[in-house]
Amino acid sequence: MTQSLGGQNISSLGKLDGFRVEINSEEARGDIILDRPPLNIIRMSQRDQMSASFAALDRDERVRVIVLRGIGKNFSSGGEIKGFLESSPEHVSCLAQNVMSPERCQKPVVAAIQGYCFGVGFEFCLACDFRIVTESTLVGLPEQRIGMIPGSGGSIRLLHMIGLQRTKDMVMRSRRIPGPKAHEWGIALECVADDALDKAVASLVQELAEFSPLAQRTSKGILNGAQDAPLHVGIELEGQAYGRLRSSHDFREGVESFHEKRKPEFRGN
């Protein structure tokens, strides 16, 4: 693919390893699509390329919302096992840096999850802002089965998301959690029928794309930062950002469109 993304030509990354990137400018949507069916295994080199692609989509002015999804019946069964033995301890110790690329994006990132979603595939999804699963989805961190632990942030993100006991249940027992329970536990925003995933994701993308890009990225940054901060530090962060947004074009446009009873035209500045 030679499409330009955010000023970076995708071809500069080399041949994309097991995934592709698509942009729908009419929907203000950019997709990173795992494309190594049937299990969409993620290789070591692929992690760096996916991280660079997230960053490029984040810079691309045509894109308001980023979607991470997979081809076929499964999102991803996880990483290529032999890659861990071929990499140095120093390298694998830093794997969380590329897997957290969805979180680093200022734009909203949605994970569309079907079938198997294990290991690093699940860890990429946990770094996204929103996760939609299906009734047949299974999510999990199976590393205990090969004498290892999750190494790209998965167990720690789960700890913040679902608490200590449930995280130990998933990690220490390599337990697979079905889609409905993932939704019940708060891992997923929504659980839909298997044939309704694309529609549910498209609906969420459309909704997110209609908001002010400036307010969206400000909210994401505050919430991500405040998650690890004491209560009153988070409140201070929110208040300071609120004051800065007061002078933005998007805020003025939002107020004026409200009073004029029309749809706002947000520019992100």
Protein backbone atom coordinates (compact mmCIF):
# COMPACT_ATOMS: atom_id res chain seq x y z
CA MET A 1 0.00 0.00 0.00
CA THR A 2 1.33 3.43 -0.91
CA GLN A 3 -1.42 5.57 0.55
CA SER A 4 -0.17 8.62 2.42
CA LEU A 5 -1.06 8.77 6.11
CA GLY A 6 -0.53 11.90 8.13
CA GLY A 7 2.42 12.96 6.00
CA GLN A 8 4.04 9.52 6.18
CA ASN A 9 3.98 7.18 3.23
CA ILE A 10 2.95 3.73 4.42
CA SER A 11 5.42 2.16 2.02
CA SER A 12 8.23 3.64 4.13
CA LEU A 13 7.35 1.04 6.75
CA GLY A 14 8.13 -1.75 4.32
CA LYS A 15 5.64 -4.44 3.41
CA LEU A 16 2.98 -4.42 6.11
CA ASP A 17 3.31 -7.67 8.04
CA GLY A 18 -0.07 -9.32 8.59
CA PHE A 19 -2.30 -6.23 8.52
CA ARG A 20 -3.43 -3.42 6.27
CA VAL A 21 -4.63 0.18 6.67
CA GLU A 22 -7.77 1.66 5.10
CA ILE A 23 -9.16 5.19 5.21
CA ASN A 24 -12.78 6.17 4.57
CA SER A 25 -12.66 9.97 4.43
CA GLU A 26 -16.45 10.24 4.00
CA GLU A 27 -16.91 8.55 7.38
CA ALA A 28 -13.79 10.23 8.85
CA ARG A 29 -12.63 6.72 9.73
CA GLY A 30 -9.28 4.96 9.57
CA ASP A 31 -9.05 1.17 10.01
CA ILE A 32 -6.11 -1.01 11.03
CA ILE A 33 -7.13 -4.50 9.90
CA LEU A 34 -5.41 -7.69 11.05
CA ASP A 35 -5.19 -9.82 7.92
CA ARG A 36 -3.45 -13.12 8.54
CA PRO A 37 -6.45 -15.50 8.68
CA PRO A 38 -7.66 -17.75 10.11
CA LEU A 39 -6.12 -16.71 13.45
CA ASN A 40 -4.51 -13.34 12.61
CA ILE A 41 -1.34 -14.16 14.54
CA ILE A 42 0.71 -11.05 15.39
CA ARG A 43 4.46 -11.23 14.73
CA MET A 44 7.14 -9.22 16.50
CA SER A 45 7.86 -6.95 13.53
CA GLN A 46 4.15 -6.35 13.09
CA ARG A 47 3.89 -4.71 16.50
CA ASP A 48 6.24 -1.88 15.50
CA GLN A 49 4.49 -1.39 12.16
CA MET A 50 1.08 -1.27 13.81
CA SER A 51 2.35 1.28 16.32
CA ALA A 52 3.65 3.48 13.46
CA SER A 53 0.33 3.10 11.63
CA PHE A 54 -1.66 4.20 14.68
CA ALA A 55 0.57 7.27 14.95
CA ALA A 56 0.12 8.05 11.25
CA LEU A 57 -3.66 7.78 11.46
CA ASP A 58 -3.59 10.01 14.51
CA ARG A 59 -1.89 12.71 12.42
CA ASP A 60 -4.13 12.27 9.38
CA GLU A 61 -6.65 15.13 9.13
CA ARG A 62 -9.12 12.97 7.21
CA VAL A 63 -9.56 10.68 10.20
CA ARG A 64 -11.63 11.44 13.30
CA VAL A 65 -11.95 7.88 14.66
CA ILE A 66 -9.63 4.87 14.41
CA VAL A 67 -10.90 1.27 14.31
CA LEU A 68 -8.87 -1.85 15.07
CA ARG A 69 -10.42 -5.03 13.66
CA GLY A 70 -9.60 -8.42 12.18
CA ILE A 71 -10.43 -10.37 9.06
CA GLY A 72 -12.38 -13.64 9.31
CA LYS A 73 -13.96 -15.43 12.24
CA ASN A 74 -11.28 -14.46 14.78
CA PHE A 75 -9.80 -11.16 15.85
CA SER A 76 -6.45 -12.70 16.85
CA SER A 77 -5.21 -15.79 18.68
CA GLY A 78 -2.23 -13.77 19.93
CA GLY A 79 1.45 -13.52 19.17
CA GLU A 80 3.77 -15.81 17.25
CA ILE A 81 5.25 -17.95 20.04
CA LYS A 82 8.69 -18.52 18.48
CA GLY A 83 9.17 -14.75 18.29
CA PHE A 84 9.63 -14.62 22.05
CA LEU A 85 12.54 -17.09 21.95
CA GLU A 86 14.18 -15.23 19.06
CA SER A 87 14.07 -11.83 20.82
CA SER A 88 16.40 -10.58 23.53
CA PRO A 89 15.19 -10.04 27.12
CA GLU A 90 15.78 -6.30 26.63
CA HIS A 91 13.51 -6.28 23.58
CA VAL A 92 10.62 -8.22 25.10
CA SER A 93 10.79 -6.07 28.26
CA CYS A 94 9.73 -3.06 26.17
CA LEU A 95 6.93 -4.65 24.14
CA ALA A 96 4.27 -2.66 25.98
CA GLN A 97 5.55 0.51 24.31
CA ASN A 98 4.20 -0.38 20.88
CA VAL A 99 1.09 -2.16 22.20
CA MET A 100 0.04 1.03 24.02
CA SER A 101 -0.08 2.92 20.72
CA PRO A 102 -3.93 3.06 20.68
CA GLU A 103 -3.81 4.78 24.07
CA ARG A 104 -1.19 7.27 22.82
CA CYS A 105 -3.49 8.30 19.96
CA GLN A 106 -5.32 11.53 20.71
CA LYS A 107 -8.26 10.35 18.62
CA PRO A 108 -10.84 7.82 19.83
CA VAL A 109 -9.89 4.21 19.05
CA VAL A 110 -12.52 1.45 18.79
CA ALA A 111 -11.71 -2.27 18.88
CA ALA A 112 -14.12 -4.55 16.99
CA ILE A 113 -13.68 -8.03 18.47
CA GLN A 114 -14.98 -11.33 17.11
CA GLY A 115 -14.05 -14.92 17.86
CA TYR A 116 -10.70 -15.53 19.56
CA CYS A 117 -9.03 -12.48 21.09
CA PHE A 118 -6.03 -13.69 23.07
CA GLY A 119 -2.56 -12.60 24.16
CA VAL A 120 -1.14 -9.55 22.44
CA GLY A 121 -4.28 -9.22 20.32
CA PHE A 122 -6.28 -8.74 23.51
CA GLU A 123 -3.61 -6.41 24.90
CA PHE A 124 -3.90 -4.14 21.84
CA CYS A 125 -7.67 -4.08 22.38
CA LEU A 126 -7.30 -3.26 26.07
CA ALA A 127 -5.26 -0.18 25.06
CA CYS A 128 -8.17 1.06 22.92
CA ASP A 129 -10.83 3.44 24.22
CA PHE A 130 -13.84 1.31 23.38
CA ARG A 131 -14.30 -2.42 22.84
CA ILE A 132 -17.30 -4.04 21.20
CA VAL A 133 -17.51 -7.85 21.36
CA THR A 134 -19.90 -10.46 20.00
CA GLU A 135 -21.78 -13.27 21.68
CA SER A 136 -19.26 -15.84 20.43
CA THR A 137 -16.17 -13.80 21.35
CA LEU A 138 -13.63 -15.27 23.75
CA VAL A 139 -11.03 -13.00 25.36
CA GLY A 140 -8.07 -14.09 27.46
CA LEU A 141 -4.41 -13.97 28.39
CA PRO A 142 -3.13 -17.55 27.94
CA GLU A 143 0.56 -16.94 28.66
CA GLN A 144 0.56 -19.16 31.79
CA ARG A 145 0.09 -22.16 29.49
CA ILE A 146 3.61 -21.66 28.11
CA GLY A 147 5.22 -20.76 31.43
CA MET A 148 5.05 -17.00 30.86
CA ILE A 149 3.02 -13.99 31.95
CA PRO A 150 1.41 -11.18 29.89
CA GLY A 151 4.17 -8.76 28.95
CA SER A 152 2.53 -5.91 27.04
CA GLY A 153 0.37 -4.33 29.71
CA GLY A 154 -2.58 -6.72 29.56
CA SER A 155 -2.73 -7.89 33.16
CA ILE A 156 -2.14 -4.40 34.57
CA ARG A 157 -4.82 -2.82 32.38
CA LEU A 158 -7.23 -5.55 33.47
CA LEU A 159 -6.32 -4.91 37.11
CA HIS A 160 -7.43 -1.29 36.75
CA MET A 161 -10.49 -2.33 34.77
CA ILE A 162 -11.98 -5.29 36.63
CA GLY A 163 -10.16 -5.54 39.98
CA LEU A 164 -7.67 -7.91 41.58
CA GLN A 165 -9.73 -11.10 42.01
CA ARG A 166 -11.10 -11.22 38.47
CA THR A 167 -7.71 -10.35 36.99
CA LYS A 168 -6.05 -13.17 38.91
CA ASP A 169 -8.82 -15.47 37.72
CA MET A 170 -8.10 -14.58 34.09
CA VAL A 171 -4.30 -14.40 34.26
CA MET A 172 -3.31 -17.12 36.75
CA ARG A 173 -5.79 -19.63 35.34
CA SER A 174 -5.46 -18.56 31.68
CA ARG A 175 -9.22 -18.33 31.73
CA ARG A 176 -11.13 -17.50 28.56
CA ILE A 177 -14.00 -15.07 29.12
CA PRO A 178 -16.99 -15.12 26.73
CA GLY A 179 -18.27 -11.90 25.17
CA PRO A 180 -21.38 -11.51 27.36
CA LYS A 181 -19.30 -11.84 30.54
CA ALA A 182 -16.66 -9.44 29.17
CA HIS A 183 -19.47 -6.93 28.79
CA GLU A 184 -20.85 -7.72 32.25
CA TRP A 185 -17.42 -7.21 33.84
CA GLY A 186 -16.81 -3.90 32.05
CA ILE A 187 -14.10 -5.12 29.70
CA ALA A 188 -16.36 -4.41 26.73
CA LEU A 189 -18.64 -1.45 26.12
CA GLU A 190 -21.18 -3.58 24.29
CA CYS A 191 -21.87 -7.21 23.34
CA VAL A 192 -23.80 -7.75 20.12
CA ALA A 193 -24.91 -10.64 17.92
CA ASP A 194 -22.18 -12.08 15.69
CA ASP A 195 -23.71 -10.57 12.56
CA ALA A 196 -24.23 -7.14 14.14
CA LEU A 197 -20.61 -6.22 14.93
CA ASP A 198 -19.91 -4.12 11.84
CA LYS A 199 -23.14 -2.18 12.27
CA ALA A 200 -22.50 -1.52 15.96
CA VAL A 201 -18.97 -0.30 15.26
CA ALA A 202 -20.12 1.92 12.38
CA SER A 203 -22.80 3.46 14.61
CA LEU A 204 -20.28 4.24 17.36
CA VAL A 205 -17.79 5.69 14.85
CA GLN A 206 -20.47 7.93 13.38
CA GLU A 207 -21.46 9.18 16.82
CA LEU A 208 -17.88 9.90 17.91
CA ALA A 209 -17.03 11.65 14.63
CA GLU A 210 -19.80 14.20 15.18
CA PHE A 211 -18.26 15.61 18.36
CA SER A 212 -15.57 18.28 18.56
CA PRO A 213 -12.15 16.69 17.85
CA LEU A 214 -10.63 19.15 20.31
CA ALA A 215 -13.01 18.21 23.12
CA GLN A 216 -12.59 14.50 22.32
CA ARG A 217 -8.80 14.48 22.52
CA THR A 218 -8.88 16.68 25.63
CA SER A 219 -11.28 14.30 27.39
CA LYS A 220 -9.21 11.28 26.40
CA GLY A 221 -6.00 12.83 27.67
CA ILE A 222 -7.52 13.89 30.99
CA LEU A 223 -9.20 10.55 31.68
CA ASN A 224 -6.10 8.53 30.77
CA GLY A 225 -3.91 10.76 32.94
CA ALA A 226 -6.32 10.96 35.87
CA GLN A 227 -6.74 7.19 36.02
CA ASP A 228 -3.43 6.93 37.89
CA ALA A 229 -3.81 10.20 39.82
CA PRO A 230 -5.44 10.99 43.19
CA LEU A 231 -8.99 12.35 43.04
CA HIS A 232 -8.21 16.01 43.52
CA VAL A 233 -5.29 15.96 41.09
CA GLY A 234 -7.70 14.64 38.45
CA ILE A 235 -10.24 17.33 39.29
CA GLU A 236 -7.54 19.99 38.91
CA LEU A 237 -6.53 18.57 35.50
CA GLU A 238 -10.15 18.64 34.38
CA GLY A 239 -10.67 22.20 35.57
CA GLN A 240 -7.54 23.53 33.87
CA ALA A 241 -8.50 21.89 30.57
CA TYR A 242 -12.05 23.21 30.89
CA GLY A 243 -10.70 26.73 31.23
CA ARG A 244 -8.49 26.40 28.15
CA LEU A 245 -11.34 25.03 26.01
CA ARG A 246 -13.43 28.06 26.97
CA SER A 247 -11.64 30.13 24.30
CA SER A 248 -11.79 27.51 21.52
CA HIS A 249 -13.64 27.88 18.23
CA ASP A 250 -15.36 24.55 18.78
CA PHE A 251 -16.83 25.65 22.10
CA ARG A 252 -18.15 28.91 20.62
CA GLU A 253 -19.54 26.97 17.65
CA GLY A 254 -21.20 24.50 20.01
CA VAL A 255 -22.89 27.25 22.02
CA GLU A 256 -23.99 29.21 18.95
CA SER A 257 -25.33 26.14 17.14
CA PHE A 258 -27.27 25.16 20.28
CA HIS A 259 -28.99 28.52 20.45
CA GLU A 260 -29.56 28.61 16.69
CA LYS A 261 -30.96 25.05 16.77
CA ARG A 262 -28.64 23.75 14.06
CA LYS A 263 -26.00 21.04 13.77
CA PRO A 264 -22.54 22.30 14.84
CA GLU A 265 -19.61 22.36 12.44
CA PHE A 266 -16.62 21.52 14.59
CA ARG A 267 -13.12 22.19 13.24
CA GLY A 268 -10.99 20.88 16.09
CA ASN A 269 -9.46 24.24 17.07
